[in-house]
Amino acid sequence: MQQARQASLNREKVVKATRELFSETSALASMNDIAARAGVGKGTIYRAFPDRFALLSTVAIDQLQEVQARAEDVLSKSGNADEIFAEFLHYMLRYNVRNGLYLEVFRQQEVVAEVVEAQRVVKVQIEELYGRAVQAGSVVAPVSDRDLHFVLNAFVQWLNGTFARGQSELETG
């Protein structure tokens, strides 16, 4: 029982360290750097995650679940649909500038089903918020859901490539 608890704690430390290092540098850290930050040996990482992609997938699922929770909160609000949609977009942009590690998973050849499902849920939530803004008349020239996701993804990729850490207004807003 104690061994399983320790393994779970080590796994959490590794995920946290991976997220912190990415947030600080906007780059994927080496497994050695992750191990040092987490205070564990590199072998501990590989016992918890068979490879780097498994670690990134776990982080991606955690991050997408955070976004889902925020979207659920925003979806439960009543009021001005365009303000609610704008609030969520602002959150998403700030979040992705700081925590865009999950985007790295989508650059891989294959994405695990759990990540795809978590992303699908977020897309549905965004579409719901966008649909409300369109119905309220806030969006003058509506675009398709596919176009909306394309533009949002392109903008996030641009942000991640353009803003240096600490210089982004979105980070501090």
C-alpha atoms as a PDB file:
ATOM      1  CA  MET A   1       0.000   0.000   0.000  1.00  0.00           C
ATOM      2  CA  GLN A   2       2.804   2.413   0.923  1.00  0.00           C
ATOM      3  CA  GLN A   3       4.586   1.656  -2.360  1.00  0.00           C
ATOM      4  CA  ALA A   4       1.475   2.447  -4.406  1.00  0.00           C
ATOM      5  CA  ARG A   5       1.002   5.710  -2.520  1.00  0.00           C
ATOM      6  CA  GLN A   6       4.628   6.696  -3.115  1.00  0.00           C
ATOM      7  CA  ALA A   7       4.330   5.838  -6.818  1.00  0.00           C
ATOM      8  CA  SER A   8       1.210   8.015  -7.070  1.00  0.00           C
ATOM      9  CA  LEU A   9       2.946  10.921  -5.299  1.00  0.00           C
ATOM     10  CA  ASN A  10       5.971  10.599  -7.584  1.00  0.00           C
ATOM     11  CA  ARG A  11       3.699  10.582 -10.629  1.00  0.00           C
ATOM     12  CA  GLU A  12       2.034  13.804  -9.420  1.00  0.00           C
ATOM     13  CA  LYS A  13       5.449  15.413  -8.825  1.00  0.00           C
ATOM     14  CA  VAL A  14       6.570  14.526 -12.343  1.00  0.00           C
ATOM     15  CA  VAL A  15       3.417  15.961 -13.934  1.00  0.00           C
ATOM     16  CA  LYS A  16       3.718  19.128 -11.859  1.00  0.00           C
ATOM     17  CA  ALA A  17       7.411  19.527 -12.716  1.00  0.00           C
ATOM     18  CA  THR A  18       6.705  19.021 -16.431  1.00  0.00           C
ATOM     19  CA  ARG A  19       4.028  21.701 -16.360  1.00  0.00           C
ATOM     20  CA  GLU A  20       6.170  24.135 -14.371  1.00  0.00           C
ATOM     21  CA  LEU A  21       9.189  23.775 -16.647  1.00  0.00           C
ATOM     22  CA  PHE A  22       7.094  24.291 -19.772  1.00  0.00           C
ATOM     23  CA  SER A  23       5.367  27.301 -18.235  1.00  0.00           C
ATOM     24  CA  GLU A  24       8.732  28.853 -17.406  1.00  0.00           C
ATOM     25  CA  THR A  25      10.488  28.190 -20.699  1.00  0.00           C
ATOM     26  CA  SER A  26       7.805  27.511 -23.353  1.00  0.00           C
ATOM     27  CA  ALA A  27       9.830  24.456 -24.330  1.00  0.00           C
ATOM     28  CA  LEU A  28       9.718  20.771 -23.636  1.00  0.00           C
ATOM     29  CA  ALA A  29      12.136  19.978 -20.835  1.00  0.00           C
ATOM     30  CA  SER A  30      14.462  17.020 -20.905  1.00  0.00           C
ATOM     31  CA  MET A  31      13.578  14.004 -18.806  1.00  0.00           C
ATOM     32  CA  ASN A  32      16.679  14.794 -16.706  1.00  0.00           C
ATOM     33  CA  ASP A  33      15.417  18.325 -16.011  1.00  0.00           C
ATOM     34  CA  ILE A  34      11.954  17.006 -15.159  1.00  0.00           C
ATOM     35  CA  ALA A  35      13.420  14.415 -12.789  1.00  0.00           C
ATOM     36  CA  ALA A  36      15.585  17.056 -11.083  1.00  0.00           C
ATOM     37  CA  ARG A  37      12.641  19.446 -10.674  1.00  0.00           C
ATOM     38  CA  ALA A  38      10.403  16.667  -9.353  1.00  0.00           C
ATOM     39  CA  GLY A  39      13.082  15.429  -6.963  1.00  0.00           C
ATOM     40  CA  VAL A  40      12.980  11.899  -8.362  1.00  0.00           C
ATOM     41  CA  GLY A  41      15.275   9.743 -10.444  1.00  0.00           C
ATOM     42  CA  LYS A  42      14.850   9.455 -14.180  1.00  0.00           C
ATOM     43  CA  GLY A  43      13.960   5.776 -13.724  1.00  0.00           C
ATOM     44  CA  THR A  44      11.016   6.843 -11.550  1.00  0.00           C
ATOM     45  CA  ILE A  45       9.639   8.819 -14.458  1.00  0.00           C
ATOM     46  CA  TYR A  46       9.883   5.828 -16.770  1.00  0.00           C
ATOM     47  CA  ARG A  47       8.186   3.565 -14.222  1.00  0.00           C
ATOM     48  CA  ALA A  48       5.232   5.973 -14.174  1.00  0.00           C
ATOM     49  CA  PHE A  49       5.306   6.859 -17.880  1.00  0.00           C
ATOM     50  CA  PRO A  50       6.640   4.404 -20.461  1.00  0.00           C
ATOM     51  CA  ASP A  51       7.847   7.262 -22.676  1.00  0.00           C
ATOM     52  CA  ARG A  52       7.816  11.035 -23.124  1.00  0.00           C
ATOM     53  CA  PHE A  53       4.613  10.873 -25.162  1.00  0.00           C
ATOM     54  CA  ALA A  54       2.761   9.122 -22.313  1.00  0.00           C
ATOM     55  CA  LEU A  55       3.855  11.905 -19.956  1.00  0.00           C
ATOM     56  CA  LEU A  56       2.756  14.609 -22.409  1.00  0.00           C
ATOM     57  CA  SER A  57      -0.576  12.856 -22.915  1.00  0.00           C
ATOM     58  CA  THR A  58      -1.185  12.793 -19.165  1.00  0.00           C
ATOM     59  CA  VAL A  59      -0.408  16.499 -18.917  1.00  0.00           C
ATOM     60  CA  ALA A  60      -2.647  17.207 -21.926  1.00  0.00           C
ATOM     61  CA  ILE A  61      -5.576  15.421 -20.313  1.00  0.00           C
ATOM     62  CA  ASP A  62      -5.058  17.325 -17.048  1.00  0.00           C
ATOM     63  CA  GLN A  63      -4.890  20.644 -18.857  1.00  0.00           C
ATOM     64  CA  LEU A  64      -7.904  19.957 -21.048  1.00  0.00           C
ATOM     65  CA  GLN A  65      -9.877  18.955 -17.957  1.00  0.00           C
ATOM     66  CA  GLU A  66      -8.983  22.307 -16.376  1.00  0.00           C
ATOM     67  CA  VAL A  67     -10.296  24.087 -19.468  1.00  0.00           C
ATOM     68  CA  GLN A  68     -13.436  21.912 -19.401  1.00  0.00           C
ATOM     69  CA  ALA A  69     -14.089  22.871 -15.786  1.00  0.00           C
ATOM     70  CA  ARG A  70     -13.731  26.555 -16.609  1.00  0.00           C
ATOM     71  CA  ALA A  71     -16.020  26.193 -19.622  1.00  0.00           C
ATOM     72  CA  GLU A  72     -18.633  24.420 -17.478  1.00  0.00           C
ATOM     73  CA  ASP A  73     -18.467  27.310 -15.027  1.00  0.00           C
ATOM     74  CA  VAL A  74     -18.876  29.874 -17.797  1.00  0.00           C
ATOM     75  CA  LEU A  75     -21.690  27.884 -19.431  1.00  0.00           C
ATOM     76  CA  SER A  76     -23.604  27.925 -16.151  1.00  0.00           C
ATOM     77  CA  LYS A  77     -23.638  31.727 -16.094  1.00  0.00           C
ATOM     78  CA  SER A  78     -26.622  33.679 -17.233  1.00  0.00           C
ATOM     79  CA  GLY A  79     -26.364  37.130 -18.702  1.00  0.00           C
ATOM     80  CA  ASN A  80     -24.933  38.791 -21.760  1.00  0.00           C
ATOM     81  CA  ALA A  81     -23.875  35.977 -24.131  1.00  0.00           C
ATOM     82  CA  ASP A  82     -21.212  38.012 -25.898  1.00  0.00           C
ATOM     83  CA  GLU A  83     -19.569  39.043 -22.620  1.00  0.00           C
ATOM     84  CA  ILE A  84     -19.629  35.434 -21.406  1.00  0.00           C
ATOM     85  CA  PHE A  85     -18.099  34.214 -24.691  1.00  0.00           C
ATOM     86  CA  ALA A  86     -15.479  36.976 -24.626  1.00  0.00           C
ATOM     87  CA  GLU A  87     -14.629  36.113 -21.005  1.00  0.00           C
ATOM     88  CA  PHE A  88     -14.016  32.496 -21.943  1.00  0.00           C
ATOM     89  CA  LEU A  89     -11.938  33.408 -25.010  1.00  0.00           C
ATOM     90  CA  HIS A  90      -9.812  35.723 -22.894  1.00  0.00           C
ATOM     91  CA  TYR A  91      -9.339  32.943 -20.352  1.00  0.00           C
ATOM     92  CA  MET A  92      -8.412  30.449 -23.105  1.00  0.00           C
ATOM     93  CA  LEU A  93      -5.831  32.756 -24.613  1.00  0.00           C
ATOM     94  CA  ARG A  94      -4.216  33.525 -21.247  1.00  0.00           C
ATOM     95  CA  TYR A  95      -4.326  29.856 -20.305  1.00  0.00           C
ATOM     96  CA  ASN A  96      -2.691  28.728 -23.531  1.00  0.00           C
ATOM     97  CA  VAL A  97       0.089  31.289 -23.325  1.00  0.00           C
ATOM     98  CA  ARG A  98       0.983  29.974 -19.861  1.00  0.00           C
ATOM     99  CA  ASN A  99       0.004  26.311 -20.169  1.00  0.00           C
ATOM    100  CA  GLY A 100       0.109  25.359 -23.822  1.00  0.00           C
ATOM    101  CA  LEU A 101       1.960  22.118 -23.204  1.00  0.00           C
ATOM    102  CA  TYR A 102      -1.088  20.103 -24.206  1.00  0.00           C
ATOM    103  CA  LEU A 103      -0.759  21.595 -27.680  1.00  0.00           C
ATOM    104  CA  GLU A 104       2.531  19.701 -28.068  1.00  0.00           C
ATOM    105  CA  VAL A 105       0.612  16.432 -27.982  1.00  0.00           C
ATOM    106  CA  PHE A 106      -1.292  17.411 -31.114  1.00  0.00           C
ATOM    107  CA  ARG A 107       1.995  17.809 -32.982  1.00  0.00           C
ATOM    108  CA  GLN A 108       2.626  14.070 -32.589  1.00  0.00           C
ATOM    109  CA  GLN A 109       1.802  11.455 -35.211  1.00  0.00           C
ATOM    110  CA  GLU A 110      -0.817   9.761 -33.078  1.00  0.00           C
ATOM    111  CA  VAL A 111      -2.869  11.154 -30.223  1.00  0.00           C
ATOM    112  CA  VAL A 112      -4.289   8.863 -27.553  1.00  0.00           C
ATOM    113  CA  ALA A 113      -8.065   8.471 -27.421  1.00  0.00           C
ATOM    114  CA  GLU A 114      -8.376  10.088 -23.980  1.00  0.00           C
ATOM    115  CA  VAL A 115      -6.750  13.291 -25.228  1.00  0.00           C
ATOM    116  CA  VAL A 116      -8.922  13.334 -28.339  1.00  0.00           C
ATOM    117  CA  GLU A 117     -12.041  12.905 -26.185  1.00  0.00           C
ATOM    118  CA  ALA A 118     -11.002  15.665 -23.773  1.00  0.00           C
ATOM    119  CA  GLN A 119     -10.390  17.979 -26.722  1.00  0.00           C
ATOM    120  CA  ARG A 120     -13.770  17.059 -28.230  1.00  0.00           C
ATOM    121  CA  VAL A 121     -15.546  18.041 -25.007  1.00  0.00           C
ATOM    122  CA  VAL A 122     -13.802  21.428 -24.983  1.00  0.00           C
ATOM    123  CA  LYS A 123     -14.733  21.987 -28.633  1.00  0.00           C
ATOM    124  CA  VAL A 124     -18.395  21.245 -27.888  1.00  0.00           C
ATOM    125  CA  GLN A 125     -18.303  23.709 -24.983  1.00  0.00           C
ATOM    126  CA  ILE A 126     -16.747  26.423 -27.141  1.00  0.00           C
ATOM    127  CA  GLU A 127     -19.353  25.791 -29.822  1.00  0.00           C
ATOM    128  CA  GLU A 128     -22.122  26.170 -27.225  1.00  0.00           C
ATOM    129  CA  LEU A 129     -20.712  29.480 -25.995  1.00  0.00           C
ATOM    130  CA  TYR A 130     -20.233  30.691 -29.568  1.00  0.00           C
ATOM    131  CA  GLY A 131     -23.752  29.595 -30.523  1.00  0.00           C
ATOM    132  CA  ARG A 132     -25.185  31.607 -27.658  1.00  0.00           C
ATOM    133  CA  ALA A 133     -23.275  34.693 -28.809  1.00  0.00           C
ATOM    134  CA  VAL A 134     -24.550  34.203 -32.372  1.00  0.00           C
ATOM    135  CA  GLN A 135     -28.154  33.794 -31.156  1.00  0.00           C
ATOM    136  CA  ALA A 136     -27.844  36.935 -29.071  1.00  0.00           C
ATOM    137  CA  GLY A 137     -26.796  38.825 -32.190  1.00  0.00           C
ATOM    138  CA  SER A 138     -23.347  39.562 -30.803  1.00  0.00           C
ATOM    139  CA  VAL A 139     -21.583  37.982 -33.752  1.00  0.00           C
ATOM    140  CA  VAL A 140     -22.392  39.941 -36.888  1.00  0.00           C
ATOM    141  CA  ALA A 141     -20.949  37.557 -39.491  1.00  0.00           C
ATOM    142  CA  PRO A 142     -21.005  34.087 -37.970  1.00  0.00           C
ATOM    143  CA  VAL A 143     -18.497  31.515 -39.141  1.00  0.00           C
ATOM    144  CA  SER A 144     -18.783  27.746 -39.057  1.00  0.00           C
ATOM    145  CA  ASP A 145     -17.690  25.844 -35.970  1.00  0.00           C
ATOM    146  CA  ARG A 146     -14.805  24.412 -37.978  1.00  0.00           C
ATOM    147  CA  ASP A 147     -13.636  27.891 -39.014  1.00  0.00           C
ATOM    148  CA  LEU A 148     -13.965  29.113 -35.436  1.00  0.00           C
ATOM    149  CA  HIS A 149     -11.726  26.314 -34.139  1.00  0.00           C
ATOM    150  CA  PHE A 150      -9.247  26.884 -36.957  1.00  0.00           C
ATOM    151  CA  VAL A 151      -8.935  30.583 -36.146  1.00  0.00           C
ATOM    152  CA  LEU A 152      -8.670  29.978 -32.397  1.00  0.00           C
ATOM    153  CA  ASN A 153      -6.007  27.298 -32.864  1.00  0.00           C
ATOM    154  CA  ALA A 154      -4.037  29.451 -35.293  1.00  0.00           C
ATOM    155  CA  PHE A 155      -4.168  32.408 -32.915  1.00  0.00           C
ATOM    156  CA  VAL A 156      -3.024  30.308 -29.964  1.00  0.00           C
ATOM    157  CA  GLN A 157      -0.142  28.893 -32.016  1.00  0.00           C
ATOM    158  CA  TRP A 158       0.829  32.426 -33.005  1.00  0.00           C
ATOM    159  CA  LEU A 159       0.699  33.568 -29.384  1.00  0.00           C
ATOM    160  CA  ASN A 160       2.864  30.688 -28.239  1.00  0.00           C
ATOM    161  CA  GLY A 161       5.429  31.500 -30.886  1.00  0.00           C
ATOM    162  CA  THR A 162       5.359  35.276 -30.559  1.00  0.00           C
ATOM    163  CA  PHE A 163       5.147  36.282 -26.913  1.00  0.00           C
ATOM    164  CA  ALA A 164       8.173  35.900 -24.702  1.00  0.00           C
ATOM    165  CA  ARG A 165       7.385  34.884 -21.150  1.00  0.00           C
ATOM    166  CA  GLY A 166       6.694  37.885 -18.950  1.00  0.00           C
ATOM    167  CA  GLN A 167       6.024  40.232 -21.863  1.00  0.00           C
ATOM    168  CA  SER A 168       2.539  39.120 -22.779  1.00  0.00           C
ATOM    169  CA  GLU A 169      -0.363  41.281 -21.699  1.00  0.00           C
ATOM    170  CA  LEU A 170      -2.516  38.178 -21.817  1.00  0.00           C
ATOM    171  CA  GLU A 171      -0.367  36.513 -19.168  1.00  0.00           C
ATOM    172  CA  THR A 172      -0.894  39.269 -16.667  1.00  0.00           C
ATOM    173  CA  GLY A 173      -4.504  40.068 -17.498  1.00  0.00           C
END
